[in-house]
């Protein structure tokens, strides 16, 4: 049956659309989910135009983050925790989560680390399973072994060819565990401030301020409620951590609101 499905799909070759205008890659394959890159390479054999990356700094430039689901995805300690953080960051950025599930087959020891969906649910971090993240609200693409694999990859190509919705469709604010670190928060603020310092395109600036606000709020609420990450200089994008609170995180949010209003005024002026 699978051979017949593959034959039918090949009879109507998949045409992969260009990468969405606000992105540079179709797929992001995290180095903390290393098996994803190997499957992306398999998929690329059928779709030569496929563009993918494993560079973490390119996450926001990707239409989809691949979540390759095996028995190892959520059971590898620090590596799995790091991947969970990347998935949460992708959610905040509006990067679509694309689930690839290695389903158990009849052959034992085929090296795919396949597992049942029930096993996956049990191993997945609670904050990814639960609202607002609801990771498994997304329909997973099944991958199997042997002659079944080609049909699975071709079906994935068909799905990818449908394109992705706009970034706003996939944005959500997952609630991460209470172990948010100072360095994580500082890194998020610095990344956002670089966009501001480099004079990003209209709309990017307000989004950068919003990400900075979220990072500062997470730091204040979870790490050290009596301390604050504070922006030093809008031009250089420098930040300092652990500065005694002279401004609240609400001030950062207000700046985001003002910047959004400023962007709107610029748009109106340019349309006249």
Protein backbone atom coordinates (compact mmCIF):
# COMPACT_ATOMS: atom_id res chain seq x y z
CA UNK A 1 0.00 0.00 0.00
CA UNK A 2 2.74 2.44 0.92
CA UNK A 3 4.47 1.83 -2.39
CA UNK A 4 1.27 2.70 -4.21
CA UNK A 5 0.85 5.91 -2.21
CA UNK A 6 4.43 6.90 -2.99
CA UNK A 7 3.86 6.17 -6.68
CA UNK A 8 0.75 8.36 -6.74
CA UNK A 9 2.55 11.24 -5.05
CA UNK A 10 5.50 10.98 -7.43
CA UNK A 11 3.08 11.13 -10.36
CA UNK A 12 2.32 14.72 -9.28
CA UNK A 13 5.69 16.11 -8.17
CA UNK A 14 5.67 18.46 -5.20
CA UNK A 15 6.61 22.05 -6.01
CA UNK A 16 8.03 23.74 -2.96
CA UNK A 17 7.16 27.45 -2.76
CA UNK A 18 9.78 30.07 -2.07
CA UNK A 19 10.53 30.84 1.55
CA UNK A 20 7.98 33.22 3.06
CA UNK A 21 8.95 36.86 2.53
CA UNK A 22 9.80 37.53 6.18
CA UNK A 23 11.98 34.41 6.49
CA UNK A 24 15.20 32.99 5.02
CA UNK A 25 14.64 29.29 5.69
CA UNK A 26 11.81 26.79 5.56
CA UNK A 27 13.02 24.78 8.57
CA UNK A 28 14.99 25.20 11.78
CA UNK A 29 16.51 21.95 13.07
CA UNK A 30 17.82 22.43 16.59
CA UNK A 31 21.17 21.00 17.58
CA UNK A 32 19.45 20.00 20.82
CA UNK A 33 17.15 17.77 18.75
CA UNK A 34 19.99 16.36 16.60
CA UNK A 35 18.01 13.69 14.77
CA UNK A 36 15.93 16.43 13.12
CA UNK A 37 18.79 17.47 10.84
CA UNK A 38 19.23 13.91 9.55
CA UNK A 39 15.53 13.71 8.60
CA UNK A 40 15.68 17.17 7.01
CA UNK A 41 18.51 15.86 4.82
CA UNK A 42 16.32 12.89 3.85
CA UNK A 43 13.50 15.27 2.96
CA UNK A 44 15.84 17.47 0.94
CA UNK A 45 16.63 14.50 -1.30
CA UNK A 46 13.02 14.75 -2.51
CA UNK A 47 12.83 18.56 -2.31
CA UNK A 48 16.14 20.05 -3.51
CA UNK A 49 14.77 23.59 -3.03
CA UNK A 50 14.32 22.99 0.71
CA UNK A 51 16.23 25.50 2.84
CA UNK A 52 16.99 24.62 6.43
CA UNK A 53 19.44 25.60 9.15
CA UNK A 54 20.62 24.45 12.55
CA UNK A 55 22.04 27.86 13.55
CA UNK A 56 20.27 28.99 16.72
CA UNK A 57 20.56 32.69 15.86
CA UNK A 58 18.50 32.05 12.69
CA UNK A 59 15.47 30.65 14.55
CA UNK A 60 13.33 33.72 13.94
CA UNK A 61 14.22 33.62 10.24
CA UNK A 62 12.56 30.19 9.81
CA UNK A 63 8.97 29.33 8.93
CA UNK A 64 8.93 26.14 11.00
CA UNK A 65 10.86 24.68 13.92
CA UNK A 66 11.14 20.91 13.51
CA UNK A 67 10.26 18.86 16.59
CA UNK A 68 11.47 15.36 15.80
CA UNK A 69 9.70 13.13 18.28
CA UNK A 70 11.54 9.99 19.38
CA UNK A 71 12.12 8.25 22.69
CA UNK A 72 15.13 10.56 23.17
CA UNK A 73 13.51 13.95 22.46
CA UNK A 74 12.44 14.67 26.05
CA UNK A 75 14.56 12.16 27.99
CA UNK A 76 18.12 13.47 27.54
CA UNK A 77 18.40 15.70 30.58
CA UNK A 78 20.07 19.06 29.99
CA UNK A 79 19.92 18.69 26.20
CA UNK A 80 16.16 18.09 26.26
CA UNK A 81 15.69 21.02 28.65
CA UNK A 82 17.63 23.27 26.27
CA UNK A 83 15.47 22.09 23.38
CA UNK A 84 12.30 22.80 25.37
CA UNK A 85 13.53 26.37 25.91
CA UNK A 86 14.10 26.75 22.16
CA UNK A 87 10.59 25.48 21.44
CA UNK A 88 9.19 28.07 23.85
CA UNK A 89 11.24 30.81 22.19
CA UNK A 90 9.93 29.72 18.79
CA UNK A 91 6.38 30.05 20.13
CA UNK A 92 7.06 33.61 21.26
CA UNK A 93 8.51 34.46 17.85
CA UNK A 94 5.58 32.99 15.93
CA UNK A 95 7.63 30.20 14.36
CA UNK A 96 5.33 27.31 13.50
CA UNK A 97 5.99 24.05 15.38
CA UNK A 98 6.17 21.13 12.94
CA UNK A 99 6.03 17.73 14.63
CA UNK A 100 7.67 14.66 13.05
CA UNK A 101 6.92 11.42 14.92
CA UNK A 102 9.01 8.27 14.51
CA UNK A 103 6.34 5.60 14.95
CA UNK A 104 7.17 2.05 16.06
CA UNK A 105 7.48 -0.55 13.32
CA UNK A 106 7.75 -4.30 13.09
CA UNK A 107 11.55 -4.37 12.90
CA UNK A 108 13.37 -4.13 16.19
CA UNK A 109 16.53 -2.11 16.66
CA UNK A 110 16.30 -0.05 13.48
CA UNK A 111 18.06 2.89 15.14
CA UNK A 112 15.20 5.38 14.84
CA UNK A 113 14.42 5.39 18.59
CA UNK A 114 10.75 5.18 17.69
CA UNK A 115 8.13 5.30 20.44
CA UNK A 116 4.39 5.41 20.93
CA UNK A 117 2.58 8.71 21.28
CA UNK A 118 1.55 7.73 24.80
CA UNK A 119 5.23 7.43 25.72
CA UNK A 120 5.89 10.85 24.22
CA UNK A 121 3.08 12.46 26.20
CA UNK A 122 4.43 10.97 29.41
CA UNK A 123 7.97 12.27 28.77
CA UNK A 124 7.07 15.75 27.48
CA UNK A 125 7.60 18.64 29.93
CA UNK A 126 4.33 19.69 31.53
CA UNK A 127 4.65 23.32 30.43
CA UNK A 128 4.76 22.23 26.77
CA UNK A 129 1.77 19.90 27.06
CA UNK A 130 -0.43 22.33 28.98
CA UNK A 131 -2.03 25.66 28.04
CA UNK A 132 -1.04 28.05 26.69
CA UNK A 133 1.65 26.05 24.80
CA UNK A 134 -0.49 22.98 23.93
CA UNK A 135 2.31 21.55 21.79
CA UNK A 136 0.33 18.50 20.76
CA UNK A 137 -2.55 20.51 19.35
CA UNK A 138 -0.40 20.36 16.23
CA UNK A 139 -0.91 17.25 14.08
CA UNK A 140 2.28 15.19 13.88
CA UNK A 141 3.57 13.76 10.60
CA UNK A 142 4.30 10.04 11.00
CA UNK A 143 7.57 8.52 9.87
CA UNK A 144 8.10 4.78 9.76
CA UNK A 145 10.74 2.34 8.57
CA UNK A 146 11.73 0.74 5.30
CA UNK A 147 9.31 1.04 2.40
CA UNK A 148 6.91 3.07 4.55
CA UNK A 149 9.44 5.83 5.04
CA UNK A 150 9.42 7.14 1.48
CA UNK A 151 5.66 7.62 1.58
CA UNK A 152 5.99 9.50 4.89
CA UNK A 153 8.65 11.83 3.53
CA UNK A 154 6.62 12.51 0.40
CA UNK A 155 3.57 13.33 2.50
CA UNK A 156 5.73 15.73 4.51
CA UNK A 157 6.76 17.39 1.27
CA UNK A 158 3.12 17.83 0.29
CA UNK A 159 2.39 19.42 3.65
CA UNK A 160 5.35 21.77 3.41
CA UNK A 161 4.29 22.83 -0.09
CA UNK A 162 1.03 24.19 1.34
CA UNK A 163 3.02 27.01 2.91
CA UNK A 164 2.68 28.44 6.39
CA UNK A 165 0.34 31.04 7.82
CA UNK A 166 1.58 34.43 8.97
CA UNK A 167 3.75 34.69 12.05
CA UNK A 168 0.87 36.13 14.10
CA UNK A 169 -1.08 32.88 13.63
CA UNK A 170 1.49 30.89 15.64
CA UNK A 171 2.48 33.31 18.40
CA UNK A 172 1.84 32.22 21.97
CA UNK A 173 3.35 32.93 25.38
CA UNK A 174 4.27 29.61 27.02
CA UNK A 175 4.73 29.55 30.77
CA UNK A 176 8.15 28.07 31.45
CA UNK A 177 9.24 26.45 34.73
CA UNK A 178 10.36 28.67 37.59
CA UNK A 179 14.06 28.21 36.93
CA UNK A 180 14.48 31.13 34.52
CA UNK A 181 18.08 32.27 34.91
CA UNK A 182 19.56 35.72 34.90
CA UNK A 183 21.73 34.89 31.90
CA UNK A 184 18.73 33.69 29.87
CA UNK A 185 16.86 36.92 30.53
CA UNK A 186 19.88 39.09 29.81
CA UNK A 187 20.47 37.26 26.52
CA UNK A 188 16.88 37.90 25.41
CA UNK A 189 17.07 41.59 26.27
CA UNK A 190 20.41 41.97 24.49
CA UNK A 191 19.08 40.29 21.35
CA UNK A 192 16.08 42.61 21.34
CA UNK A 193 18.15 45.70 21.98
CA UNK A 194 20.43 44.87 19.06
CA UNK A 195 17.41 45.14 16.75
CA UNK A 196 16.66 48.57 18.20
CA UNK A 197 20.29 49.71 18.04
CA UNK A 198 20.63 48.63 14.41
CA UNK A 199 17.49 50.51 13.40
CA UNK A 200 15.32 47.55 12.41
CA UNK A 201 12.44 47.87 9.99
CA UNK A 202 9.18 49.43 11.15
CA UNK A 203 7.29 46.86 13.21
CA UNK A 204 10.49 45.03 14.16
CA UNK A 205 11.26 47.74 16.71
CA UNK A 206 8.03 47.40 18.66
CA UNK A 207 8.33 43.61 18.53
CA UNK A 208 11.87 43.91 19.92
CA UNK A 209 10.67 46.07 22.79
CA UNK A 210 7.90 43.58 23.54
CA UNK A 211 10.39 40.70 23.72
CA UNK A 212 12.60 42.79 26.01
CA UNK A 213 9.62 43.52 28.23
CA UNK A 214 8.74 39.83 28.49
CA UNK A 215 12.32 38.89 29.36
CA UNK A 216 12.55 41.60 32.01
CA UNK A 217 9.23 40.61 33.52
CA UNK A 218 10.22 36.94 33.66
CA UNK A 219 13.46 37.90 35.38
CA UNK A 220 11.71 40.10 37.92
CA UNK A 221 8.91 37.67 38.70
CA UNK A 222 10.92 34.47 38.87
CA UNK A 223 14.61 35.06 39.45
CA UNK A 224 15.00 38.06 41.78
CA UNK A 225 11.79 40.04 42.35
CA UNK A 226 13.67 42.90 44.02
CA UNK A 227 16.13 43.45 41.17
CA UNK A 228 15.88 44.54 37.57
CA UNK A 229 17.55 44.11 34.22
CA UNK A 230 17.86 47.63 32.93
CA UNK A 231 18.67 49.07 29.51
CA UNK A 232 21.64 51.41 29.57
CA UNK A 233 21.76 52.93 26.14
CA UNK A 234 19.32 52.72 23.23
CA UNK A 235 22.09 53.40 20.73
CA UNK A 236 24.53 50.72 21.85
CA UNK A 237 21.95 48.26 23.12
CA UNK A 238 24.00 47.61 26.27
CA UNK A 239 22.21 46.24 29.28
CA UNK A 240 23.25 45.71 32.86
CA UNK A 241 21.88 43.05 35.16
CA UNK A 242 21.25 43.22 38.87
CA UNK A 243 20.76 46.99 38.94
CA UNK A 244 18.64 48.06 41.95
CA UNK A 245 15.16 48.80 40.70
CA UNK A 246 14.88 52.41 39.55
CA UNK A 247 12.24 51.57 36.95
CA UNK A 248 9.64 48.86 36.87
CA UNK A 249 9.13 46.32 34.10
CA UNK A 250 5.92 48.24 33.35
CA UNK A 251 8.08 51.14 32.13
CA UNK A 252 9.60 48.85 29.51
CA UNK A 253 6.12 47.81 28.42
CA UNK A 254 5.07 51.47 28.16
CA UNK A 255 8.04 52.11 25.89
CA UNK A 256 6.86 49.25 23.66
CA UNK A 257 3.38 50.81 23.48
CA UNK A 258 4.79 54.22 22.60
CA UNK A 259 7.01 52.72 19.92
CA UNK A 260 4.04 50.87 18.40
CA UNK A 261 2.09 54.15 18.30
CA UNK A 262 5.09 55.86 16.70
CA UNK A 263 5.25 53.14 14.02
CA UNK A 264 1.57 53.70 13.28
CA UNK A 265 2.09 57.43 12.92
CA UNK A 266 4.97 56.83 10.50
CA UNK A 267 2.77 54.55 8.40
CA UNK A 268 0.02 57.19 8.20
CA UNK A 269 2.52 59.89 7.26
CA UNK A 270 4.06 57.80 4.51
CA UNK A 271 0.65 57.03 3.04
CA UNK A 272 -0.15 60.76 2.59
